Each structure stands twice: as C-alpha cells, then as structure tokens.
Amino acid sequence: MRDAPFLLIGEGTSEIQKSIISKRLLDEYRI
C-alpha cells in the first residue's frame, strides 16, 4: 500500500493529512 509511510507518522496524523489533501483538491478543482 502506498500510504504505508503515513502509518509510520501516526494513524491520527494520516487521517488529518488525508482530510487536508482532500480539502486542497476540492479547493483547487472545485468539483
């Protein structure tokens, strides 16, 4: 799985990063 490195940082951080990335994608592309 490609998210393996994020698991090393911490499960909580990975979830936060995913939410931040998803928000950025929505802001950039405005789906």
C-alpha atoms as a PDB file:
ATOM      1  CA  MET A   1       0.000   0.000   0.000  1.00  0.00           C
ATOM      2  CA  ARG A   2       1.254   3.461  -0.816  1.00  0.00           C
ATOM      3  CA  ASP A   3       0.043   5.025   2.457  1.00  0.00           C
ATOM      4  CA  ALA A   4       2.446   2.862   4.486  1.00  0.00           C
ATOM      5  CA  PRO A   5       4.837   5.803   5.193  1.00  0.00           C
ATOM      6  CA  PHE A   6       1.930   7.815   6.640  1.00  0.00           C
ATOM      7  CA  LEU A   7       1.189   4.988   9.080  1.00  0.00           C
ATOM      8  CA  LEU A   8       4.713   5.400  10.476  1.00  0.00           C
ATOM      9  CA  ILE A   9       3.938   9.036  11.296  1.00  0.00           C
ATOM     10  CA  GLY A  10       0.780   8.048  13.161  1.00  0.00           C
ATOM     11  CA  GLU A  11      -2.763   6.985  12.369  1.00  0.00           C
ATOM     12  CA  GLY A  12      -4.227  10.272  13.604  1.00  0.00           C
ATOM     13  CA  THR A  13      -1.795  12.309  11.509  1.00  0.00           C
ATOM     14  CA  SER A  14      -2.517  10.292   8.379  1.00  0.00           C
ATOM     15  CA  GLU A  15      -6.235  10.947   8.776  1.00  0.00           C
ATOM     16  CA  ILE A  16      -5.574  14.666   9.251  1.00  0.00           C
ATOM     17  CA  GLN A  17      -3.286  14.760   6.204  1.00  0.00           C
ATOM     18  CA  LYS A  18      -5.901  12.953   4.098  1.00  0.00           C
ATOM     19  CA  SER A  19      -8.553  15.484   5.121  1.00  0.00           C
ATOM     20  CA  ILE A  20      -6.204  18.391   4.356  1.00  0.00           C
ATOM     21  CA  ILE A  21      -5.266  16.929   0.961  1.00  0.00           C
ATOM     22  CA  SER A  22      -8.915  16.278   0.100  1.00  0.00           C
ATOM     23  CA  LYS A  23      -9.830  19.864   1.057  1.00  0.00           C
ATOM     24  CA  ARG A  24      -6.994  21.220  -1.087  1.00  0.00           C
ATOM     25  CA  LEU A  25      -8.137  19.133  -4.051  1.00  0.00           C
ATOM     26  CA  LEU A  26     -11.701  20.386  -3.639  1.00  0.00           C
ATOM     27  CA  ASP A  27     -10.472  23.979  -3.414  1.00  0.00           C
ATOM     28  CA  GLU A  28      -8.244  23.651  -6.468  1.00  0.00           C
ATOM     29  CA  TYR A  29     -10.585  21.722  -8.755  1.00  0.00           C
ATOM     30  CA  ARG A  30     -13.882  22.753  -7.120  1.00  0.00           C
ATOM     31  CA  ILE A  31     -15.672  19.544  -8.002  1.00  0.00           C
END
